[in-house]
Structures are given as structure tokens and as C-alpha cells.
Amino acid sequence: MKNKDVLKKFYIIASLFGTGILLNSCSTGYVATQPSYIEYSRPERPSNLHIWIDGDWFYNHQTRNYIQQRGYWEKPSPNRIYVSGQWQTTPKGKYWSKGHWQKREREENRHNRY
């Protein structure tokens, strides 16, 4: 077998292994019941421009449990709104849909189109 063929097989195996690890770490974790929310005290608001972002939940694949992340204050970017995360229910169980920033849609007055 030529060195070129051995190297090619090595790259294929390494790619498959890396892809498997990546997909496993990003996969959604399902649980039978959602964990209890722990209320943390909020630090003082840095300014009137900041909004409170509730902490998300992180799925630990080793323990197969969700871990609550603490919330934080953040100053939104212009034309962006924060969509809070929420628990989703499927036949497989419950999973956390992470919060995210999204573009603010412009409100159009449809009555003034004439």
C-alpha cells in the first residue's frame, strides 16, 4: 500500500471521528421532566439601556442532565430583540430551546399603502 493511500484513509477516518464528536456535542438532550428553576439575585442594572437576559440551560451529555446558567444584563444591538429560551415537549421528552437574538421586524402600517 502506498503512503498516499494510507494518508488518505487516515484523513477519512479522522474526519468521520471528528464529525461524530461534533454532532454528539451539539445534539439535543432529552429529559423526562424539566429541572426546577433556581432564582438568583440580579446584580444592579448597569444602565437604563441594558435588559436582563434569563440564564439558559446547558445539557451535560455525561450526566444527562440540564444545568442552569445564570442570567446577565446586556445592552441590545440596534434593531435586535432577545427571544427567551423555552422548554419544548416532544414524544422523546423535553428539551431546552436556547434563547437568541433576532432582527427586529419593522412594523408597517398596511392602511397607508394607497
PDB file of N, CA and C in Angstrom:
ATOM      1  N   MET A   1       0.850  -1.180   0.000  1.00  0.00           N
ATOM      2  CA  MET A   1       0.000   0.000   0.000  1.00  0.00           C
ATOM      3  C   MET A   1       0.894   1.241   0.000  1.00  0.00           C
ATOM      4  N   LYS A   2       0.558   2.178  -0.793  1.00  0.00           N
ATOM      5  CA  LYS A   2       1.358   3.394  -0.908  1.00  0.00           C
ATOM      6  C   LYS A   2       1.075   4.336   0.255  1.00  0.00           C
ATOM      7  N   ASN A   3       2.076   5.170   0.551  1.00  0.00           N
ATOM      8  CA  ASN A   3       1.921   6.163   1.620  1.00  0.00           C
ATOM      9  C   ASN A   3       0.746   7.088   1.352  1.00  0.00           C
ATOM     10  N   LYS A   4       0.503   7.387   0.098  1.00  0.00           N
ATOM     11  CA  LYS A   4      -0.595   8.282  -0.281  1.00  0.00           C
ATOM     12  C   LYS A   4      -1.948   7.670   0.111  1.00  0.00           C
ATOM     13  N   ASP A   5      -2.097   6.357  -0.110  1.00  0.00           N
ATOM     14  CA  ASP A   5      -3.341   5.672   0.235  1.00  0.00           C
ATOM     15  C   ASP A   5      -3.542   5.614   1.749  1.00  0.00           C
ATOM     16  N   VAL A   6      -2.458   5.348   2.482  1.00  0.00           N
ATOM     17  CA  VAL A   6      -2.536   5.302   3.942  1.00  0.00           C
ATOM     18  C   VAL A   6      -2.940   6.669   4.494  1.00  0.00           C
ATOM     19  N   LEU A   7      -2.324   7.712   3.964  1.00  0.00           N
ATOM     20  CA  LEU A   7      -2.642   9.071   4.404  1.00  0.00           C
ATOM     21  C   LEU A   7      -4.088   9.427   4.089  1.00  0.00           C
ATOM     22  N   LYS A   8      -4.578   9.019   2.929  1.00  0.00           N
ATOM     23  CA  LYS A   8      -5.956   9.295   2.529  1.00  0.00           C
ATOM     24  C   LYS A   8      -6.931   8.601   3.484  1.00  0.00           C
ATOM     25  N   LYS A   9      -6.668   7.320   3.835  1.00  0.00           N
ATOM     26  CA  LYS A   9      -7.525   6.596   4.761  1.00  0.00           C
ATOM     27  C   LYS A   9      -7.495   7.238   6.151  1.00  0.00           C
ATOM     28  N   PHE A  10      -6.321   7.686   6.563  1.00  0.00           N
ATOM     29  CA  PHE A  10      -6.202   8.357   7.862  1.00  0.00           C
ATOM     30  C   PHE A  10      -7.073   9.607   7.901  1.00  0.00           C
ATOM     31  N   TYR A  11      -7.036  10.416   6.851  1.00  0.00           N
ATOM     32  CA  TYR A  11      -7.845  11.638   6.809  1.00  0.00           C
ATOM     33  C   TYR A  11      -9.336  11.320   6.823  1.00  0.00           C
ATOM     34  N   ILE A  12      -9.732  10.260   6.140  1.00  0.00           N
ATOM     35  CA  ILE A  12     -11.148   9.882   6.121  1.00  0.00           C
ATOM     36  C   ILE A  12     -11.592   9.444   7.510  1.00  0.00           C
ATOM     37  N   ILE A  13     -10.804   8.595   8.161  1.00  0.00           N
ATOM     38  CA  ILE A  13     -11.159   8.120   9.500  1.00  0.00           C
ATOM     39  C   ILE A  13     -11.173   9.279  10.501  1.00  0.00           C
ATOM     40  N   ALA A  14     -10.168  10.157  10.424  1.00  0.00           N
ATOM     41  CA  ALA A  14     -10.110  11.314  11.329  1.00  0.00           C
ATOM     42  C   ALA A  14     -11.299  12.241  11.103  1.00  0.00           C
ATOM     43  N   SER A  15     -11.700  12.430   9.857  1.00  0.00           N
ATOM     44  CA  SER A  15     -12.854  13.284   9.550  1.00  0.00           C
ATOM     45  C   SER A  15     -14.140  12.697  10.109  1.00  0.00           C
ATOM     46  N   LEU A  16     -14.322  11.389   9.945  1.00  0.00           N
ATOM     47  CA  LEU A  16     -15.522  10.744  10.476  1.00  0.00           C
ATOM     48  C   LEU A  16     -15.565  10.820  12.001  1.00  0.00           C
ATOM     49  N   PHE A  17     -14.436  10.602  12.630  1.00  0.00           N
ATOM     50  CA  PHE A  17     -14.350  10.677  14.085  1.00  0.00           C
ATOM     51  C   PHE A  17     -14.672  12.090  14.563  1.00  0.00           C
ATOM     52  N   GLY A  18     -14.076  13.098  13.927  1.00  0.00           N
ATOM     53  CA  GLY A  18     -14.315  14.498  14.298  1.00  0.00           C
ATOM     54  C   GLY A  18     -15.758  14.898  14.098  1.00  0.00           C
ATOM     55  N   THR A  19     -16.369  14.450  13.004  1.00  0.00           N
ATOM     56  CA  THR A  19     -17.769  14.753  12.736  1.00  0.00           C
ATOM     57  C   THR A  19     -18.657  14.120  13.801  1.00  0.00           C
ATOM     58  N   GLY A  20     -18.342  12.890  14.197  1.00  0.00           N
ATOM     59  CA  GLY A  20     -19.121  12.215  15.241  1.00  0.00           C
ATOM     60  C   GLY A  20     -19.070  12.952  16.559  1.00  0.00           C
ATOM     61  N   ILE A  21     -17.896  13.415  16.928  1.00  0.00           N
ATOM     62  CA  ILE A  21     -17.747  14.175  18.176  1.00  0.00           C
ATOM     63  C   ILE A  21     -18.525  15.484  18.097  1.00  0.00           C
ATOM     64  N   LEU A  22     -18.412  16.174  16.970  1.00  0.00           N
ATOM     65  CA  LEU A  22     -19.116  17.446  16.802  1.00  0.00           C
ATOM     66  C   LEU A  22     -20.622  17.257  16.877  1.00  0.00           C
ATOM     67  N   LEU A  23     -21.151  16.269  16.191  1.00  0.00           N
ATOM     68  CA  LEU A  23     -22.594  16.051  16.207  1.00  0.00           C
ATOM     69  C   LEU A  23     -23.083  15.615  17.581  1.00  0.00           C
ATOM     70  N   ASN A  24     -22.303  14.833  18.288  1.00  0.00           N
ATOM     71  CA  ASN A  24     -22.705  14.398  19.624  1.00  0.00           C
ATOM     72  C   ASN A  24     -22.715  15.566  20.600  1.00  0.00           C
ATOM     73  N   SER A  25     -21.760  16.474  20.494  1.00  0.00           N
ATOM     74  CA  SER A  25     -21.700  17.596  21.428  1.00  0.00           C
ATOM     75  C   SER A  25     -22.787  18.624  21.157  1.00  0.00           C
ATOM     76  N   CYS A  26     -23.292  18.682  19.927  1.00  0.00           N
ATOM     77  CA  CYS A  26     -24.319  19.651  19.570  1.00  0.00           C
ATOM     78  C   CYS A  26     -25.720  19.062  19.633  1.00  0.00           C
ATOM     79  N   SER A  27     -25.822  17.771  19.862  1.00  0.00           N
ATOM     80  CA  SER A  27     -27.129  17.140  19.832  1.00  0.00           C
ATOM     81  C   SER A  27     -27.954  17.579  21.039  1.00  0.00           C
ATOM     82  N   THR A  28     -29.244  17.548  20.838  1.00  0.00           N
ATOM     83  CA  THR A  28     -30.178  17.948  21.873  1.00  0.00           C
ATOM     84  C   THR A  28     -30.303  16.846  22.905  1.00  0.00           C
ATOM     85  N   GLY A  29     -30.348  17.244  24.162  1.00  0.00           N
ATOM     86  CA  GLY A  29     -30.552  16.278  25.230  1.00  0.00           C
ATOM     87  C   GLY A  29     -32.010  16.276  25.653  1.00  0.00           C
ATOM     88  N   TYR A  30     -32.578  15.090  25.760  1.00  0.00           N
ATOM     89  CA  TYR A  30     -33.968  14.953  26.168  1.00  0.00           C
ATOM     90  C   TYR A  30     -34.025  14.458  27.614  1.00  0.00           C
ATOM     91  N   VAL A  31     -34.967  15.006  28.368  1.00  0.00           N
ATOM     92  CA  VAL A  31     -35.194  14.582  29.747  1.00  0.00           C
ATOM     93  C   VAL A  31     -36.687  14.339  29.940  1.00  0.00           C
ATOM     94  N   ALA A  32     -37.029  13.531  30.939  1.00  0.00           N
ATOM     95  CA  ALA A  32     -38.438  13.218  31.205  1.00  0.00           C
ATOM     96  C   ALA A  32     -39.170  14.429  31.796  1.00  0.00           C
ATOM     97  N   THR A  33     -38.508  15.146  32.693  1.00  0.00           N
ATOM     98  CA  THR A  33     -39.109  16.341  33.297  1.00  0.00           C
ATOM     99  C   THR A  33     -38.083  17.465  33.299  1.00  0.00           C
ATOM    100  N   GLN A  34     -38.579  18.658  33.131  1.00  0.00           N
ATOM    101  CA  GLN A  34     -37.656  19.795  33.150  1.00  0.00           C
ATOM    102  C   GLN A  34     -37.198  20.059  34.578  1.00  0.00           C
ATOM    103  N   PRO A  35     -35.936  20.476  34.732  1.00  0.00           N
ATOM    104  CA  PRO A  35     -35.431  20.735  36.084  1.00  0.00           C
ATOM    105  C   PRO A  35     -36.071  21.978  36.703  1.00  0.00           C
ATOM    106  N   SER A  36     -35.991  22.062  38.010  1.00  0.00           N
ATOM    107  CA  SER A  36     -36.532  23.219  38.737  1.00  0.00           C
ATOM    108  C   SER A  36     -35.632  24.425  38.517  1.00  0.00           C
ATOM    109  N   TYR A  37     -36.266  25.564  38.344  1.00  0.00           N
ATOM    110  CA  TYR A  37     -35.546  26.818  38.144  1.00  0.00           C
ATOM    111  C   TYR A  37     -35.073  27.336  39.492  1.00  0.00           C
ATOM    112  N   ILE A  38     -33.815  27.723  39.556  1.00  0.00           N
ATOM    113  CA  ILE A  38     -33.262  28.309  40.781  1.00  0.00           C
ATOM    114  C   ILE A  38     -33.230  29.824  40.595  1.00  0.00           C
ATOM    115  N   GLU A  39     -33.862  30.540  41.491  1.00  0.00           N
ATOM    116  CA  GLU A  39     -33.912  32.002  41.405  1.00  0.00           C
ATOM    117  C   GLU A  39     -32.634  32.586  41.995  1.00  0.00           C
ATOM    118  N   TYR A  40     -31.913  33.341  41.182  1.00  0.00           N
ATOM    119  CA  TYR A  40     -30.697  34.015  41.631  1.00  0.00           C
ATOM    120  C   TYR A  40     -30.984  35.499  41.780  1.00  0.00           C
ATOM    121  N   SER A  41     -30.269  36.162  42.679  1.00  0.00           N
ATOM    122  CA  SER A  41     -30.440  37.601  42.803  1.00  0.00           C
ATOM    123  C   SER A  41     -29.746  38.272  41.614  1.00  0.00           C
ATOM    124  N   ARG A  42     -30.412  39.272  41.086  1.00  0.00           N
ATOM    125  CA  ARG A  42     -29.851  40.002  39.945  1.00  0.00           C
ATOM    126  C   ARG A  42     -28.886  41.064  40.433  1.00  0.00           C
ATOM    127  N   PRO A  43     -27.760  41.200  39.750  1.00  0.00           N
ATOM    128  CA  PRO A  43     -26.890  42.329  40.078  1.00  0.00           C
ATOM    129  C   PRO A  43     -27.570  43.627  39.649  1.00  0.00           C
ATOM    130  N   GLU A  44     -27.072  44.731  40.142  1.00  0.00           N
ATOM    131  CA  GLU A  44     -27.651  46.033  39.808  1.00  0.00           C
ATOM    132  C   GLU A  44     -27.579  46.277  38.305  1.00  0.00           C
ATOM    133  N   ARG A  45     -28.617  46.885  37.775  1.00  0.00           N
ATOM    134  CA  ARG A  45     -28.690  47.190  36.341  1.00  0.00           C
ATOM    135  C   ARG A  45     -27.627  48.236  35.996  1.00  0.00           C
ATOM    136  N   PRO A  46     -26.760  47.951  35.018  1.00  0.00           N
ATOM    137  CA  PRO A  46     -25.682  48.889  34.675  1.00  0.00           C
ATOM    138  C   PRO A  46     -26.180  50.221  34.117  1.00  0.00           C
ATOM    139  N   SER A  47     -27.279  50.195  33.345  1.00  0.00           N
ATOM    140  CA  SER A  47     -27.853  51.431  32.805  1.00  0.00           C
ATOM    141  C   SER A  47     -29.278  51.139  32.359  1.00  0.00           C
ATOM    142  N   ASN A  48     -30.022  52.190  32.023  1.00  0.00           N
ATOM    143  CA  ASN A  48     -31.394  52.012  31.536  1.00  0.00           C
ATOM    144  C   ASN A  48     -31.427  51.372  30.148  1.00  0.00           C
ATOM    145  N   LEU A  49     -30.288  51.308  29.497  1.00  0.00           N
ATOM    146  CA  LEU A  49     -30.222  50.710  28.163  1.00  0.00           C
ATOM    147  C   LEU A  49     -30.055  49.191  28.213  1.00  0.00           C
ATOM    148  N   HIS A  50     -29.711  48.670  29.366  1.00  0.00           N
ATOM    149  CA  HIS A  50     -29.486  47.229  29.498  1.00  0.00           C
ATOM    150  C   HIS A  50     -30.795  46.485  29.776  1.00  0.00           C
ATOM    151  N   ILE A  51     -30.878  45.244  29.280  1.00  0.00           N
ATOM    152  CA  ILE A  51     -32.020  44.384  29.572  1.00  0.00           C
ATOM    153  C   ILE A  51     -31.506  43.109  30.243  1.00  0.00           C
ATOM    154  N   TRP A  52     -32.372  42.500  31.036  1.00  0.00           N
ATOM    155  CA  TRP A  52     -32.000  41.272  31.725  1.00  0.00           C
ATOM    156  C   TRP A  52     -32.255  40.080  30.804  1.00  0.00           C
ATOM    157  N   ILE A  53     -31.260  39.243  30.661  1.00  0.00           N
ATOM    158  CA  ILE A  53     -31.373  38.008  29.892  1.00  0.00           C
ATOM    159  C   ILE A  53     -31.373  36.855  30.898  1.00  0.00           C
ATOM    160  N   ASP A  54     -32.496  36.136  30.978  1.00  0.00           N
ATOM    161  CA  ASP A  54     -32.546  34.978  31.871  1.00  0.00           C
ATOM    162  C   ASP A  54     -31.535  33.947  31.410  1.00  0.00           C
ATOM    163  N   GLY A  55     -30.959  33.243  32.343  1.00  0.00           N
ATOM    164  CA  GLY A  55     -29.977  32.221  32.007  1.00  0.00           C
ATOM    165  C   GLY A  55     -30.597  31.075  31.217  1.00  0.00           C
ATOM    166  N   ASP A  56     -29.825  30.510  30.323  1.00  0.00           N
ATOM    167  CA  ASP A  56     -30.257  29.349  29.556  1.00  0.00           C
ATOM    168  C   ASP A  56     -29.923  28.076  30.321  1.00  0.00           C
ATOM    169  N   TRP A  57     -30.269  26.963  29.747  1.00  0.00           N
ATOM    170  CA  TRP A  57     -29.952  25.650  30.296  1.00  0.00           C
ATOM    171  C   TRP A  57     -28.962  24.975  29.357  1.00  0.00           C
ATOM    172  N   PHE A  58     -27.953  24.343  29.941  1.00  0.00           N
ATOM    173  CA  PHE A  58     -26.911  23.637  29.189  1.00  0.00           C
ATOM    174  C   PHE A  58     -27.055  22.150  29.466  1.00  0.00           C
ATOM    175  N   TYR A  59     -27.098  21.332  28.404  1.00  0.00           N
ATOM    176  CA  TYR A  59     -27.225  19.883  28.586  1.00  0.00           C
ATOM    177  C   TYR A  59     -25.851  19.255  28.733  1.00  0.00           C
ATOM    178  N   ASN A  60     -25.642  18.547  29.838  1.00  0.00           N
ATOM    179  CA  ASN A  60     -24.390  17.851  30.099  1.00  0.00           C
ATOM    180  C   ASN A  60     -24.572  16.404  29.633  1.00  0.00           C
ATOM    181  N   HIS A  61     -23.868  16.027  28.564  1.00  0.00           N
ATOM    182  CA  HIS A  61     -24.019  14.689  27.995  1.00  0.00           C
ATOM    183  C   HIS A  61     -23.490  13.591  28.916  1.00  0.00           C
ATOM    184  N   GLN A  62     -22.551  13.924  29.786  1.00  0.00           N
ATOM    185  CA  GLN A  62     -22.013  12.910  30.694  1.00  0.00           C
ATOM    186  C   GLN A  62     -23.009  12.548  31.787  1.00  0.00           C
ATOM    187  N   THR A  63     -23.632  13.567  32.387  1.00  0.00           N
ATOM    188  CA  THR A  63     -24.590  13.312  33.467  1.00  0.00           C
ATOM    189  C   THR A  63     -26.018  13.157  32.953  1.00  0.00           C
ATOM    190  N   ARG A  64     -26.229  13.553  31.702  1.00  0.00           N
ATOM    191  CA  ARG A  64     -27.552  13.510  31.055  1.00  0.00           C
ATOM    192  C   ARG A  64     -28.579  14.352  31.814  1.00  0.00           C
ATOM    193  N   ASN A  65     -28.113  15.505  32.274  1.00  0.00           N
ATOM    194  CA  ASN A  65     -28.961  16.468  32.979  1.00  0.00           C
ATOM    195  C   ASN A  65     -28.713  17.859  32.420  1.00  0.00           C
ATOM    196  N   TYR A  66     -29.690  18.724  32.639  1.00  0.00           N
ATOM    197  CA  TYR A  66     -29.523  20.131  32.279  1.00  0.00           C
ATOM    198  C   TYR A  66     -28.975  20.890  33.468  1.00  0.00           C
ATOM    199  N   ILE A  67     -28.106  21.840  33.186  1.00  0.00           N
ATOM    200  CA  ILE A  67     -27.512  22.693  34.205  1.00  0.00           C
ATOM    201  C   ILE A  67     -27.934  24.132  33.904  1.00  0.00           C
ATOM    202  N   GLN A  68     -28.457  24.802  34.899  1.00  0.00           N
ATOM    203  CA  GLN A  68     -28.928  26.176  34.720  1.00  0.00           C
ATOM    204  C   GLN A  68     -27.746  27.133  34.656  1.00  0.00           C
ATOM    205  N   GLN A  69     -27.763  28.021  33.689  1.00  0.00           N
ATOM    206  CA  GLN A  69     -26.767  29.076  33.566  1.00  0.00           C
ATOM    207  C   GLN A  69     -27.366  30.351  34.155  1.00  0.00           C
ATOM    208  N   ARG A  70     -26.563  31.142  34.804  1.00  0.00           N
ATOM    209  CA  ARG A  70     -27.055  32.386  35.409  1.00  0.00           C
ATOM    210  C   ARG A  70     -27.410  33.420  34.338  1.00  0.00           C
ATOM    211  N   GLY A  71     -28.368  34.273  34.674  1.00  0.00           N
ATOM    212  CA  GLY A  71     -28.752  35.358  33.791  1.00  0.00           C
ATOM    213  C   GLY A  71     -27.740  36.489  33.844  1.00  0.00           C
ATOM    214  N   TYR A  72     -27.926  37.482  32.987  1.00  0.00           N
ATOM    215  CA  TYR A  72     -26.977  38.599  32.914  1.00  0.00           C
ATOM    216  C   TYR A  72     -27.639  39.806  32.253  1.00  0.00           C
ATOM    217  N   TRP A  73     -27.058  40.967  32.497  1.00  0.00           N
ATOM    218  CA  TRP A  73     -27.509  42.204  31.857  1.00  0.00           C
ATOM    219  C   TRP A  73     -26.769  42.353  30.528  1.00  0.00           C
ATOM    220  N   GLU A  74     -27.482  42.789  29.510  1.00  0.00           N
ATOM    221  CA  GLU A  74     -26.834  43.028  28.225  1.00  0.00           C
ATOM    222  C   GLU A  74     -27.490  44.220  27.533  1.00  0.00           C
ATOM    223  N   LYS A  75     -26.665  44.977  26.856  1.00  0.00           N
ATOM    224  CA  LYS A  75     -27.138  46.126  26.088  1.00  0.00           C
ATOM    225  C   LYS A  75     -27.449  45.639  24.666  1.00  0.00           C
ATOM    226  N   PRO A  76     -28.717  45.694  24.256  1.00  0.00           N
ATOM    227  CA  PRO A  76     -29.074  45.178  22.936  1.00  0.00           C
ATOM    228  C   PRO A  76     -28.453  45.984  21.804  1.00  0.00           C
ATOM    229  N   SER A  77     -28.169  45.305  20.719  1.00  0.00           N
ATOM    230  CA  SER A  77     -27.738  45.986  19.496  1.00  0.00           C
ATOM    231  C   SER A  77     -28.957  46.640  18.872  1.00  0.00           C
ATOM    232  N   PRO A  78     -28.745  47.721  18.114  1.00  0.00           N
ATOM    233  CA  PRO A  78     -29.890  48.362  17.457  1.00  0.00           C
ATOM    234  C   PRO A  78     -30.631  47.368  16.553  1.00  0.00           C
ATOM    235  N   ASN A  79     -31.941  47.470  16.535  1.00  0.00           N
ATOM    236  CA  ASN A  79     -32.804  46.646  15.702  1.00  0.00           C
ATOM    237  C   ASN A  79     -32.713  45.150  16.013  1.00  0.00           C
ATOM    238  N   ARG A  80     -32.370  44.808  17.243  1.00  0.00           N
ATOM    239  CA  ARG A  80     -32.310  43.408  17.655  1.00  0.00           C
ATOM    240  C   ARG A  80     -33.167  43.228  18.905  1.00  0.00           C
ATOM    241  N   ILE A  81     -33.835  42.116  18.993  1.00  0.00           N
ATOM    242  CA  ILE A  81     -34.599  41.784  20.190  1.00  0.00           C
ATOM    243  C   ILE A  81     -34.160  40.399  20.662  1.00  0.00           C
ATOM    244  N   TYR A  82     -34.310  40.176  21.951  1.00  0.00           N
ATOM    245  CA  TYR A  82     -33.933  38.884  22.503  1.00  0.00           C
ATOM    246  C   TYR A  82     -35.172  38.017  22.641  1.00  0.00           C
ATOM    247  N   VAL A  83     -35.094  36.810  22.104  1.00  0.00           N
ATOM    248  CA  VAL A  83     -36.167  35.830  22.223  1.00  0.00           C
ATOM    249  C   VAL A  83     -35.728  34.846  23.301  1.00  0.00           C
ATOM    250  N   SER A  84     -36.471  34.807  24.397  1.00  0.00           N
ATOM    251  CA  SER A  84     -36.107  33.946  25.520  1.00  0.00           C
ATOM    252  C   SER A  84     -36.196  32.477  25.142  1.00  0.00           C
ATOM    253  N   GLY A  85     -35.327  31.682  25.767  1.00  0.00           N
ATOM    254  CA  GLY A  85     -35.377  30.242  25.572  1.00  0.00           C
ATOM    255  C   GLY A  85     -36.622  29.671  26.224  1.00  0.00           C
ATOM    256  N   GLN A  86     -36.964  28.457  25.834  1.00  0.00           N
ATOM    257  CA  GLN A  86     -38.135  27.821  26.422  1.00  0.00           C
ATOM    258  C   GLN A  86     -38.030  26.303  26.304  1.00  0.00           C
ATOM    259  N   TRP A  87     -38.758  25.627  27.159  1.00  0.00           N
ATOM    260  CA  TRP A  87     -38.798  24.173  27.128  1.00  0.00           C
ATOM    261  C   TRP A  87     -39.747  23.715  26.042  1.00  0.00           C
ATOM    262  N   GLN A  88     -39.318  22.729  25.293  1.00  0.00           N
ATOM    263  CA  GLN A  88     -40.128  22.134  24.233  1.00  0.00           C
ATOM    264  C   GLN A  88     -40.457  20.694  24.646  1.00  0.00           C
ATOM    265  N   THR A  89     -41.632  20.237  24.288  1.00  0.00           N
ATOM    266  CA  THR A  89     -42.043  18.873  24.598  1.00  0.00           C
ATOM    267  C   THR A  89     -42.241  18.100  23.304  1.00  0.00           C
ATOM    268  N   THR A  90     -41.629  16.922  23.240  1.00  0.00           N
ATOM    269  CA  THR A  90     -41.754  16.034  22.084  1.00  0.00           C
ATOM    270  C   THR A  90     -42.038  14.625  22.595  1.00  0.00           C
ATOM    271  N   PRO A  91     -42.354  13.699  21.703  1.00  0.00           N
ATOM    272  CA  PRO A  91     -42.530  12.312  22.140  1.00  0.00           C
ATOM    273  C   PRO A  91     -41.261  11.723  22.788  1.00  0.00           C
ATOM    274  N   LYS A  92     -40.083  12.253  22.445  1.00  0.00           N
ATOM    275  CA  LYS A  92     -38.829  11.767  23.036  1.00  0.00           C
ATOM    276  C   LYS A  92     -38.622  12.291  24.455  1.00  0.00           C
ATOM    277  N   GLY A  93     -39.288  13.380  24.793  1.00  0.00           N
ATOM    278  CA  GLY A  93     -39.122  14.008  26.096  1.00  0.00           C
ATOM    279  C   GLY A  93     -39.054  15.518  25.961  1.00  0.00           C
ATOM    280  N   LYS A  94     -38.538  16.173  26.978  1.00  0.00           N
ATOM    281  CA  LYS A  94     -38.421  17.637  26.974  1.00  0.00           C
ATOM    282  C   LYS A  94     -36.985  18.031  26.657  1.00  0.00           C
ATOM    283  N   TYR A  95     -36.841  19.164  25.954  1.00  0.00           N
ATOM    284  CA  TYR A  95     -35.512  19.708  25.686  1.00  0.00           C
ATOM    285  C   TYR A  95     -35.582  21.227  25.716  1.00  0.00           C
ATOM    286  N   TRP A  96     -34.441  21.851  25.959  1.00  0.00           N
ATOM    287  CA  TRP A  96     -34.357  23.301  26.057  1.00  0.00           C
ATOM    288  C   TRP A  96     -34.034  23.888  24.694  1.00  0.00           C
ATOM    289  N   SER A  97     -34.845  24.831  24.265  1.00  0.00           N
ATOM    290  CA  SER A  97     -34.597  25.604  23.048  1.00  0.00           C
ATOM    291  C   SER A  97     -33.955  26.908  23.495  1.00  0.00           C
ATOM    292  N   LYS A  98     -32.675  27.071  23.191  1.00  0.00           N
ATOM    293  CA  LYS A  98     -31.858  28.177  23.693  1.00  0.00           C
ATOM    294  C   LYS A  98     -32.373  29.543  23.234  1.00  0.00           C
ATOM    295  N   GLY A  99     -32.242  30.547  24.103  1.00  0.00           N
ATOM    296  CA  GLY A  99     -32.592  31.913  23.749  1.00  0.00           C
ATOM    297  C   GLY A  99     -31.616  32.463  22.717  1.00  0.00           C
ATOM    298  N   HIS A 100     -32.074  33.470  21.956  1.00  0.00           N
ATOM    299  CA  HIS A 100     -31.221  34.022  20.899  1.00  0.00           C
ATOM    300  C   HIS A 100     -31.659  35.441  20.528  1.00  0.00           C
ATOM    301  N   TRP A 101     -30.735  36.144  19.903  1.00  0.00           N
ATOM    302  CA  TRP A 101     -31.026  37.479  19.387  1.00  0.00           C
ATOM    303  C   TRP A 101     -31.541  37.340  17.963  1.00  0.00           C
ATOM    304  N   GLN A 102     -32.525  38.155  17.627  1.00  0.00           N
ATOM    305  CA  GLN A 102     -33.008  38.164  16.250  1.00  0.00           C
ATOM    306  C   GLN A 102     -33.278  39.586  15.811  1.00  0.00           C
ATOM    307  N   LYS A 103     -33.302  39.756  14.520  1.00  0.00           N
ATOM    308  CA  LYS A 103     -33.546  41.069  13.933  1.00  0.00           C
ATOM    309  C   LYS A 103     -34.977  41.500  14.231  1.00  0.00           C
ATOM    310  N   ARG A 104     -35.135  42.742  14.603  1.00  0.00           N
ATOM    311  CA  ARG A 104     -36.473  43.287  14.871  1.00  0.00           C
ATOM    312  C   ARG A 104     -37.149  43.547  13.527  1.00  0.00           C
ATOM    313  N   GLU A 105     -38.363  43.016  13.382  1.00  0.00           N
ATOM    314  CA  GLU A 105     -39.103  43.259  12.143  1.00  0.00           C
ATOM    315  C   GLU A 105     -39.757  44.621  12.219  1.00  0.00           C
ATOM    316  N   ARG A 106     -39.664  45.339  11.119  1.00  0.00           N
ATOM    317  CA  ARG A 106     -40.273  46.671  11.076  1.00  0.00           C
ATOM    318  C   ARG A 106     -41.774  46.537  10.979  1.00  0.00           C
ATOM    319  N   GLU A 107     -42.446  47.321  11.777  1.00  0.00           N
ATOM    320  CA  GLU A 107     -43.902  47.321  11.713  1.00  0.00           C
ATOM    321  C   GLU A 107     -44.335  48.259  10.601  1.00  0.00           C
ATOM    322  N   GLU A 108     -45.111  47.725   9.695  1.00  0.00           N
ATOM    323  CA  GLU A 108     -45.594  48.535   8.578  1.00  0.00           C
ATOM    324  C   GLU A 108     -47.065  48.820   8.785  1.00  0.00           C
ATOM    325  N   ASN A 109     -47.442  50.027   8.479  1.00  0.00           N
ATOM    326  CA  ASN A 109     -48.843  50.394   8.559  1.00  0.00           C
ATOM    327  C   ASN A 109     -49.486  50.040   7.222  1.00  0.00           C
ATOM    328  N   ARG A 110     -50.230  48.959   7.189  1.00  0.00           N
ATOM    329  CA  ARG A 110     -50.798  48.470   5.942  1.00  0.00           C
ATOM    330  C   ARG A 110     -51.923  49.359   5.439  1.00  0.00           C
ATOM    331  N   HIS A 111     -52.488  50.198   6.298  1.00  0.00           N
ATOM    332  CA  HIS A 111     -53.596  51.055   5.885  1.00  0.00           C
ATOM    333  C   HIS A 111     -53.099  52.241   5.046  1.00  0.00           C
ATOM    334  N   ASN A 112     -51.857  52.576   5.095  1.00  0.00           N
ATOM    335  CA  ASN A 112     -51.328  53.736   4.374  1.00  0.00           C
ATOM    336  C   ASN A 112     -50.620  53.340   3.075  1.00  0.00           C
ATOM    337  N   ARG A 113     -51.038  52.300   2.431  1.00  0.00           N
ATOM    338  CA  ARG A 113     -50.392  51.854   1.195  1.00  0.00           C
ATOM    339  C   ARG A 113     -51.047  52.439  -0.053  1.00  0.00           C
ATOM    340  N   TYR A 114     -52.065  53.226   0.068  1.00  0.00           N
ATOM    341  CA  TYR A 114     -52.767  53.741  -1.113  1.00  0.00           C
ATOM    342  C   TYR A 114     -52.117  54.981  -1.652  1.00  0.00           C
TER     343      TYR A 114
END
